Amino acid sequence: MKIPLQSEVERYIKEKKGWPDEFVKYYADRFYNFYMSNGWKVSGKAAMKDWKAAFNSQWQTLKFKEDIEMMNKLKPVNGKETSSDPSLKYINDIMNEYRQHCTAIPKERLASIYDFLKERKLLVLSRDETNELRRVYAGRILEGKAAATGIVFQRMITDGRRF
């Protein structure tokens, strides 16, 4: 495999995910340095055959708290974003995946979307829904956030709306 340039990694991530430019630079740097440090090996053992496949299988979903926090910090906060906003495009893309197969979306991804929507006051749940989620998911924050996002997605899908 030909080792990619860091700029190639950035370009691919930007095209694939549509994340904010500053986050793309940050995340591409993490991806690139991780694999540079281990000799472009998968699981630290086998030589990588395709870096894009490695990104798609292990890196396209934000898993680590620091990455999610960085993403949230870099997204604009004004409560009036439009669907042309790349961050909302990403949320709408995930909602479309959810529509096709709701169990295919990892809980971690749904939980990060919960934080994004809540921060922008786009997460709207009734008092009864909130109380029920607290009761059912007491002590399981990740699962509760994922379930709340699922409720919002389902409502948006049913109403034929997008963010």
Foldseek 3Di string as FASTA:
>chain_A
DDQDDLVVQLVVLCVVQVADSVLSNVLSVVLSVVCVVLVCADVSDHHDDDSVVVCVVPPNADDDPVSLVVSLVPQDADLDDDCVRSVQVNVQVVLVVCVVPVVVDDLRRQLSVLVNCVSNVNQDDDPVLVVVLCVVCPPPSSNSSSVSSVVSSVVCVVVVHGD
